[in-house]
């Protein structure tokens, strides 16, 4: 396996574990890690709720990347715990 993907999988695994926020919301059972063209890694977790306030781990990682003024993804993985 590609060493970059191995590193991304490890980073996603570190943050992927379910956390109960309330009886109506949880987060973290999916972790995402992405590698940018500049060589930086950004991560995110999912948020699940009984209303429209949730988002997927991929969106969270991409938002982290964009917040840091990058916009080109080289590789991306999602890990379900």
PDB file of N, CA and C in Angstrom:
ATOM      1  N   UNK A   1       0.837  -1.181   0.000  1.00  0.00           N
ATOM      2  CA  UNK A   1       0.000   0.000   0.000  1.00  0.00           C
ATOM      3  C   UNK A   1       0.884   1.246   0.000  1.00  0.00           C
ATOM      4  N   UNK A   2       0.419   2.275  -0.638  1.00  0.00           N
ATOM      5  CA  UNK A   2       1.074   3.575  -0.701  1.00  0.00           C
ATOM      6  C   UNK A   2       1.295   4.123   0.721  1.00  0.00           C
ATOM      7  N   UNK A   3       2.505   4.617   1.013  1.00  0.00           N
ATOM      8  CA  UNK A   3       2.822   5.121   2.352  1.00  0.00           C
ATOM      9  C   UNK A   3       1.947   6.312   2.744  1.00  0.00           C
ATOM     10  N   UNK A   4       1.585   7.147   1.777  1.00  0.00           N
ATOM     11  CA  UNK A   4       0.694   8.268   2.081  1.00  0.00           C
ATOM     12  C   UNK A   4      -0.661   7.768   2.579  1.00  0.00           C
ATOM     13  N   UNK A   5      -1.216   6.759   1.908  1.00  0.00           N
ATOM     14  CA  UNK A   5      -2.499   6.214   2.341  1.00  0.00           C
ATOM     15  C   UNK A   5      -2.384   5.566   3.719  1.00  0.00           C
ATOM     16  N   UNK A   6      -1.284   4.884   3.990  1.00  0.00           N
ATOM     17  CA  UNK A   6      -1.078   4.286   5.308  1.00  0.00           C
ATOM     18  C   UNK A   6      -1.097   5.360   6.389  1.00  0.00           C
ATOM     19  N   UNK A   7      -0.419   6.468   6.153  1.00  0.00           N
ATOM     20  CA  UNK A   7      -0.378   7.582   7.105  1.00  0.00           C
ATOM     21  C   UNK A   7      -1.782   8.175   7.281  1.00  0.00           C
ATOM     22  N   UNK A   8      -2.515   8.371   6.184  1.00  0.00           N
ATOM     23  CA  UNK A   8      -3.863   8.934   6.272  1.00  0.00           C
ATOM     24  C   UNK A   8      -4.798   8.017   7.048  1.00  0.00           C
ATOM     25  N   UNK A   9      -4.699   6.726   6.817  1.00  0.00           N
ATOM     26  CA  UNK A   9      -5.534   5.765   7.544  1.00  0.00           C
ATOM     27  C   UNK A   9      -5.238   5.846   9.041  1.00  0.00           C
ATOM     28  N   UNK A  10      -3.962   5.911   9.398  1.00  0.00           N
ATOM     29  CA  UNK A  10      -3.588   6.025  10.813  1.00  0.00           C
ATOM     30  C   UNK A  10      -4.146   7.304  11.434  1.00  0.00           C
ATOM     31  N   UNK A  11      -4.054   8.416  10.718  1.00  0.00           N
ATOM     32  CA  UNK A  11      -4.574   9.688  11.229  1.00  0.00           C
ATOM     33  C   UNK A  11      -6.088   9.629  11.399  1.00  0.00           C
ATOM     34  N   UNK A  12      -6.787   9.029  10.444  1.00  0.00           N
ATOM     35  CA  UNK A  12      -8.247   8.911  10.535  1.00  0.00           C
ATOM     36  C   UNK A  12      -8.645   7.988  11.683  1.00  0.00           C
ATOM     37  N   UNK A  13      -7.903   6.900  11.877  1.00  0.00           N
ATOM     38  CA  UNK A  13      -8.191   5.965  12.977  1.00  0.00           C
ATOM     39  C   UNK A  13      -8.053   6.635  14.336  1.00  0.00           C
ATOM     40  N   UNK A  14      -7.073   7.544  14.479  1.00  0.00           N
ATOM     41  CA  UNK A  14      -6.834   8.218  15.760  1.00  0.00           C
ATOM     42  C   UNK A  14      -8.062   8.988  16.246  1.00  0.00           C
ATOM     43  N   UNK A  15      -8.828   9.518  15.328  1.00  0.00           N
ATOM     44  CA  UNK A  15      -9.941  10.395  15.716  1.00  0.00           C
ATOM     45  C   UNK A  15     -11.310   9.744  15.564  1.00  0.00           C
ATOM     46  N   UNK A  16     -11.355   8.525  15.025  1.00  0.00           N
ATOM     47  CA  UNK A  16     -12.641   7.862  14.738  1.00  0.00           C
ATOM     48  C   UNK A  16     -13.079   6.982  15.897  1.00  0.00           C
ATOM     49  N   UNK A  17     -13.847   7.542  16.779  1.00  0.00           N
ATOM     50  CA  UNK A  17     -14.503   6.748  17.818  1.00  0.00           C
ATOM     51  C   UNK A  17     -15.771   7.495  18.221  1.00  0.00           C
ATOM     52  N   UNK A  18     -16.838   6.751  18.387  1.00  0.00           N
ATOM     53  CA  UNK A  18     -18.142   7.355  18.634  1.00  0.00           C
ATOM     54  C   UNK A  18     -18.191   8.025  20.000  1.00  0.00           C
ATOM     55  N   UNK A  19     -18.720   9.233  19.994  1.00  0.00           N
ATOM     56  CA  UNK A  19     -18.934  10.003  21.212  1.00  0.00           C
ATOM     57  C   UNK A  19     -20.410  10.399  21.263  1.00  0.00           C
ATOM     58  N   UNK A  20     -21.068  10.139  22.365  1.00  0.00           N
ATOM     59  CA  UNK A  20     -22.457  10.536  22.517  1.00  0.00           C
ATOM     60  C   UNK A  20     -22.494  11.966  23.044  1.00  0.00           C
ATOM     61  N   UNK A  21     -23.191  12.835  22.313  1.00  0.00           N
ATOM     62  CA  UNK A  21     -23.308  14.229  22.724  1.00  0.00           C
ATOM     63  C   UNK A  21     -24.580  14.457  23.546  1.00  0.00           C
ATOM     64  N   UNK A  22     -25.632  13.767  23.164  1.00  0.00           N
ATOM     65  CA  UNK A  22     -26.915  13.825  23.865  1.00  0.00           C
ATOM     66  C   UNK A  22     -27.735  12.644  23.391  1.00  0.00           C
ATOM     67  N   UNK A  23     -28.970  12.557  23.862  1.00  0.00           N
ATOM     68  CA  UNK A  23     -29.808  11.460  23.378  1.00  0.00           C
ATOM     69  C   UNK A  23     -30.182  11.660  21.908  1.00  0.00           C
ATOM     70  N   UNK A  24     -29.917  12.837  21.366  1.00  0.00           N
ATOM     71  CA  UNK A  24     -30.273  13.159  19.981  1.00  0.00           C
ATOM     72  C   UNK A  24     -29.081  13.321  19.042  1.00  0.00           C
ATOM     73  N   UNK A  25     -27.871  13.266  19.569  1.00  0.00           N
ATOM     74  CA  UNK A  25     -26.707  13.538  18.718  1.00  0.00           C
ATOM     75  C   UNK A  25     -25.486  12.739  19.161  1.00  0.00           C
ATOM     76  N   UNK A  26     -24.687  12.379  18.178  1.00  0.00           N
ATOM     77  CA  UNK A  26     -23.403  11.719  18.417  1.00  0.00           C
ATOM     78  C   UNK A  26     -22.419  12.211  17.368  1.00  0.00           C
ATOM     79  N   UNK A  27     -21.171  11.881  17.571  1.00  0.00           N
ATOM     80  CA  UNK A  27     -20.170  12.289  16.584  1.00  0.00           C
ATOM     81  C   UNK A  27     -18.992  11.322  16.629  1.00  0.00           C
ATOM     82  N   UNK A  28     -18.177  11.374  15.602  1.00  0.00           N
ATOM     83  CA  UNK A  28     -16.894  10.714  15.612  1.00  0.00           C
ATOM     84  C   UNK A  28     -16.792   9.287  15.151  1.00  0.00           C
ATOM     85  N   UNK A  29     -17.900   8.627  14.806  1.00  0.00           N
ATOM     86  CA  UNK A  29     -17.737   7.222  14.406  1.00  0.00           C
ATOM     87  C   UNK A  29     -17.104   7.087  13.021  1.00  0.00           C
ATOM     88  N   UNK A  30     -17.025   8.202  12.287  1.00  0.00           N
ATOM     89  CA  UNK A  30     -16.258   8.233  11.036  1.00  0.00           C
ATOM     90  C   UNK A  30     -15.211   9.326  11.166  1.00  0.00           C
ATOM     91  N   UNK A  31     -13.976   8.974  10.855  1.00  0.00           N
ATOM     92  CA  UNK A  31     -12.882   9.941  10.817  1.00  0.00           C
ATOM     93  C   UNK A  31     -12.358  10.041   9.402  1.00  0.00           C
ATOM     94  N   UNK A  32     -11.956  11.223   9.010  1.00  0.00           N
ATOM     95  CA  UNK A  32     -11.434  11.442   7.667  1.00  0.00           C
ATOM     96  C   UNK A  32     -10.088  12.151   7.771  1.00  0.00           C
ATOM     97  N   UNK A  33      -9.178  11.782   6.903  1.00  0.00           N
ATOM     98  CA  UNK A  33      -7.897  12.477   6.792  1.00  0.00           C
ATOM     99  C   UNK A  33      -7.617  12.695   5.309  1.00  0.00           C
ATOM    100  N   UNK A  34      -7.137  13.882   4.994  1.00  0.00           N
ATOM    101  CA  UNK A  34      -6.785  14.169   3.601  1.00  0.00           C
ATOM    102  C   UNK A  34      -5.403  14.764   3.528  1.00  0.00           C
ATOM    103  N   UNK A  35      -4.753  14.524   2.405  1.00  0.00           N
ATOM    104  CA  UNK A  35      -3.426  15.041   2.116  1.00  0.00           C
ATOM    105  C   UNK A  35      -3.563  16.051   0.986  1.00  0.00           C
ATOM    106  N   UNK A  36      -3.015  17.242   1.181  1.00  0.00           N
ATOM    107  CA  UNK A  36      -3.101  18.259   0.135  1.00  0.00           C
ATOM    108  C   UNK A  36      -1.912  18.151  -0.824  1.00  0.00           C
ATOM    109  N   UNK A  37      -2.027  18.842  -1.927  1.00  0.00           N
ATOM    110  CA  UNK A  37      -0.928  18.888  -2.899  1.00  0.00           C
ATOM    111  C   UNK A  37       0.331  19.495  -2.282  1.00  0.00           C
ATOM    112  N   UNK A  38       0.146  20.353  -1.245  1.00  0.00           N
ATOM    113  CA  UNK A  38       1.294  20.962  -0.558  1.00  0.00           C
ATOM    114  C   UNK A  38       1.903  20.037   0.487  1.00  0.00           C
ATOM    115  N   UNK A  39       1.276  18.873   0.729  1.00  0.00           N
ATOM    116  CA  UNK A  39       1.831  17.903   1.663  1.00  0.00           C
ATOM    117  C   UNK A  39       1.308  17.988   3.085  1.00  0.00           C
ATOM    118  N   UNK A  40       0.273  18.785   3.308  1.00  0.00           N
ATOM    119  CA  UNK A  40      -0.299  18.917   4.650  1.00  0.00           C
ATOM    120  C   UNK A  40      -1.474  17.958   4.832  1.00  0.00           C
ATOM    121  N   UNK A  41      -1.678  17.519   6.075  1.00  0.00           N
ATOM    122  CA  UNK A  41      -2.777  16.615   6.407  1.00  0.00           C
ATOM    123  C   UNK A  41      -3.807  17.372   7.233  1.00  0.00           C
ATOM    124  N   UNK A  42      -5.077  17.227   6.857  1.00  0.00           N
ATOM    125  CA  UNK A  42      -6.195  17.811   7.591  1.00  0.00           C
ATOM    126  C   UNK A  42      -7.172  16.698   7.931  1.00  0.00           C
ATOM    127  N   UNK A  43      -7.857  16.838   9.061  1.00  0.00           N
ATOM    128  CA  UNK A  43      -8.754  15.783   9.521  1.00  0.00           C
ATOM    129  C   UNK A  43     -10.119  16.351   9.892  1.00  0.00           C
ATOM    130  N   UNK A  44     -11.084  15.432   9.989  1.00  0.00           N
ATOM    131  CA  UNK A  44     -12.416  15.806  10.440  1.00  0.00           C
ATOM    132  C   UNK A  44     -13.175  14.578  10.900  1.00  0.00           C
ATOM    133  N   UNK A  45     -14.216  14.809  11.701  1.00  0.00           N
ATOM    134  CA  UNK A  45     -15.099  13.730  12.158  1.00  0.00           C
ATOM    135  C   UNK A  45     -16.534  14.057  11.760  1.00  0.00           C
ATOM    136  N   UNK A  46     -17.364  13.030  11.746  1.00  0.00           N
ATOM    137  CA  UNK A  46     -18.769  13.222  11.421  1.00  0.00           C
ATOM    138  C   UNK A  46     -19.533  13.723  12.647  1.00  0.00           C
ATOM    139  N   UNK A  47     -20.662  14.368  12.387  1.00  0.00           N
ATOM    140  CA  UNK A  47     -21.600  14.768  13.431  1.00  0.00           C
ATOM    141  C   UNK A  47     -22.974  14.293  12.978  1.00  0.00           C
ATOM    142  N   UNK A  48     -23.613  13.457  13.785  1.00  0.00           N
ATOM    143  CA  UNK A  48     -24.940  12.932  13.471  1.00  0.00           C
ATOM    144  C   UNK A  48     -25.941  13.450  14.490  1.00  0.00           C
ATOM    145  N   UNK A  49     -27.055  13.967  13.993  1.00  0.00           N
ATOM    146  CA  UNK A  49     -28.095  14.454  14.900  1.00  0.00           C
ATOM    147  C   UNK A  49     -29.469  14.187  14.299  1.00  0.00           C
ATOM    148  N   UNK A  50     -30.477  14.346  15.116  1.00  0.00           N
ATOM    149  CA  UNK A  50     -31.850  14.120  14.673  1.00  0.00           C
ATOM    150  C   UNK A  50     -32.418  15.325  13.935  1.00  0.00           C
ATOM    151  N   UNK A  51     -31.589  16.293  13.645  1.00  0.00           N
ATOM    152  CA  UNK A  51     -32.018  17.457  12.861  1.00  0.00           C
ATOM    153  C   UNK A  51     -30.978  17.695  11.765  1.00  0.00           C
ATOM    154  N   UNK A  52     -31.057  18.783  11.096  1.00  0.00           N
ATOM    155  CA  UNK A  52     -30.196  19.049   9.936  1.00  0.00           C
ATOM    156  C   UNK A  52     -28.832  19.632  10.294  1.00  0.00           C
ATOM    157  N   UNK A  53     -28.412  19.573  11.537  1.00  0.00           N
ATOM    158  CA  UNK A  53     -27.159  20.201  11.944  1.00  0.00           C
ATOM    159  C   UNK A  53     -25.930  19.311  11.792  1.00  0.00           C
ATOM    160  N   UNK A  54     -26.079  18.082  11.356  1.00  0.00           N
ATOM    161  CA  UNK A  54     -24.944  17.173  11.231  1.00  0.00           C
ATOM    162  C   UNK A  54     -24.145  17.412   9.960  1.00  0.00           C
ATOM    163  N   UNK A  55     -23.001  16.751   9.890  1.00  0.00           N
ATOM    164  CA  UNK A  55     -22.205  16.762   8.663  1.00  0.00           C
ATOM    165  C   UNK A  55     -21.286  15.540   8.644  1.00  0.00           C
ATOM    166  N   UNK A  56     -20.768  15.231   7.468  1.00  0.00           N
ATOM    167  CA  UNK A  56     -19.904  14.068   7.339  1.00  0.00           C
ATOM    168  C   UNK A  56     -18.451  14.442   7.630  1.00  0.00           C
ATOM    169  N   UNK A  57     -17.661  13.436   7.907  1.00  0.00           N
ATOM    170  CA  UNK A  57     -16.248  13.630   8.244  1.00  0.00           C
ATOM    171  C   UNK A  57     -15.471  14.256   7.087  1.00  0.00           C
ATOM    172  N   UNK A  58     -15.833  13.877   5.868  1.00  0.00           N
ATOM    173  CA  UNK A  58     -15.144  14.437   4.697  1.00  0.00           C
ATOM    174  C   UNK A  58     -15.358  15.939   4.608  1.00  0.00           C
ATOM    175  N   UNK A  59     -16.602  16.401   4.838  1.00  0.00           N
ATOM    176  CA  UNK A  59     -16.876  17.841   4.836  1.00  0.00           C
ATOM    177  C   UNK A  59     -16.040  18.547   5.889  1.00  0.00           C
ATOM    178  N   UNK A  60     -15.943  17.941   7.068  1.00  0.00           N
ATOM    179  CA  UNK A  60     -15.191  18.558   8.161  1.00  0.00           C
ATOM    180  C   UNK A  60     -13.705  18.674   7.814  1.00  0.00           C
ATOM    181  N   UNK A  61     -13.128  17.635   7.220  1.00  0.00           N
ATOM    182  CA  UNK A  61     -11.711  17.683   6.842  1.00  0.00           C
ATOM    183  C   UNK A  61     -11.478  18.717   5.737  1.00  0.00           C
ATOM    184  N   UNK A  62     -12.393  18.776   4.780  1.00  0.00           N
ATOM    185  CA  UNK A  62     -12.262  19.764   3.700  1.00  0.00           C
ATOM    186  C   UNK A  62     -12.397  21.175   4.251  1.00  0.00           C
ATOM    187  N   UNK A  63     -13.312  21.382   5.194  1.00  0.00           N
ATOM    188  CA  UNK A  63     -13.453  22.701   5.817  1.00  0.00           C
ATOM    189  C   UNK A  63     -12.165  23.091   6.539  1.00  0.00           C
ATOM    190  N   UNK A  64     -11.535  22.130   7.226  1.00  0.00           N
ATOM    191  CA  UNK A  64     -10.266  22.391   7.906  1.00  0.00           C
ATOM    192  C   UNK A  64      -9.199  22.805   6.898  1.00  0.00           C
ATOM    193  N   UNK A  65      -9.159  22.123   5.762  1.00  0.00           N
ATOM    194  CA  UNK A  65      -8.204  22.451   4.708  1.00  0.00           C
ATOM    195  C   UNK A  65      -8.452  23.865   4.174  1.00  0.00           C
ATOM    196  N   UNK A  66      -9.713  24.171   3.865  1.00  0.00           N
ATOM    197  CA  UNK A  66     -10.048  25.483   3.312  1.00  0.00           C
ATOM    198  C   UNK A  66      -9.759  26.602   4.309  1.00  0.00           C
ATOM    199  N   UNK A  67     -10.009  26.333   5.591  1.00  0.00           N
ATOM    200  CA  UNK A  67      -9.729  27.307   6.651  1.00  0.00           C
ATOM    201  C   UNK A  67      -8.252  27.684   6.665  1.00  0.00           C
ATOM    202  N   UNK A  68      -7.415  26.751   6.237  1.00  0.00           N
ATOM    203  CA  UNK A  68      -5.964  26.967   6.195  1.00  0.00           C
ATOM    204  C   UNK A  68      -5.468  27.381   4.811  1.00  0.00           C
ATOM    205  N   UNK A  69      -6.381  27.927   4.006  1.00  0.00           N
ATOM    206  CA  UNK A  69      -6.056  28.510   2.692  1.00  0.00           C
ATOM    207  C   UNK A  69      -5.471  27.524   1.689  1.00  0.00           C
ATOM    208  N   UNK A  70      -5.908  26.268   1.760  1.00  0.00           N
ATOM    209  CA  UNK A  70      -5.524  25.284   0.750  1.00  0.00           C
ATOM    210  C   UNK A  70      -6.791  24.780   0.079  1.00  0.00           C
ATOM    211  N   UNK A  71      -6.663  24.324  -1.163  1.00  0.00           N
ATOM    212  CA  UNK A  71      -7.853  23.866  -1.886  1.00  0.00           C
ATOM    213  C   UNK A  71      -7.604  22.696  -2.829  1.00  0.00           C
ATOM    214  N   UNK A  72      -6.419  22.117  -2.803  1.00  0.00           N
ATOM    215  CA  UNK A  72      -6.126  21.011  -3.702  1.00  0.00           C
ATOM    216  C   UNK A  72      -5.844  19.733  -2.915  1.00  0.00           C
ATOM    217  N   UNK A  73      -6.741  18.744  -3.077  1.00  0.00           N
ATOM    218  CA  UNK A  73      -6.604  17.473  -2.385  1.00  0.00           C
ATOM    219  C   UNK A  73      -5.813  16.506  -3.261  1.00  0.00           C
ATOM    220  N   UNK A  74      -4.817  15.862  -2.650  1.00  0.00           N
ATOM    221  CA  UNK A  74      -4.059  14.830  -3.352  1.00  0.00           C
ATOM    222  C   UNK A  74      -4.663  13.452  -3.073  1.00  0.00           C
ATOM    223  N   UNK A  75      -4.912  13.160  -1.786  1.00  0.00           N
ATOM    224  CA  UNK A  75      -5.475  11.862  -1.386  1.00  0.00           C
ATOM    225  C   UNK A  75      -6.405  12.093  -0.208  1.00  0.00           C
ATOM    226  N   UNK A  76      -7.415  11.218  -0.082  1.00  0.00           N
ATOM    227  CA  UNK A  76      -8.369  11.342   1.024  1.00  0.00           C
ATOM    228  C   UNK A  76      -8.854   9.945   1.422  1.00  0.00           C
ATOM    229  N   UNK A  77      -9.026   9.732   2.732  1.00  0.00           N
ATOM    230  CA  UNK A  77      -9.565   8.460   3.229  1.00  0.00           C
ATOM    231  C   UNK A  77     -10.606   8.761   4.307  1.00  0.00           C
ATOM    232  N   UNK A  78     -11.556   7.860   4.442  1.00  0.00           N
ATOM    233  CA  UNK A  78     -12.527   7.895   5.539  1.00  0.00           C
ATOM    234  C   UNK A  78     -12.451   6.545   6.238  1.00  0.00           C
ATOM    235  N   UNK A  79     -12.488   6.572   7.574  1.00  0.00           N
ATOM    236  CA  UNK A  79     -12.381   5.363   8.370  1.00  0.00           C
ATOM    237  C   UNK A  79     -13.591   5.275   9.282  1.00  0.00           C
ATOM    238  N   UNK A  80     -14.312   4.167   9.201  1.00  0.00           N
ATOM    239  CA  UNK A  80     -15.480   3.912  10.031  1.00  0.00           C
ATOM    240  C   UNK A  80     -15.078   3.031  11.195  1.00  0.00           C
ATOM    241  N   UNK A  81     -15.302   3.510  12.422  1.00  0.00           N
ATOM    242  CA  UNK A  81     -14.905   2.718  13.594  1.00  0.00           C
ATOM    243  C   UNK A  81     -15.998   1.804  14.071  1.00  0.00           C
TER     244      UNK A  81
END
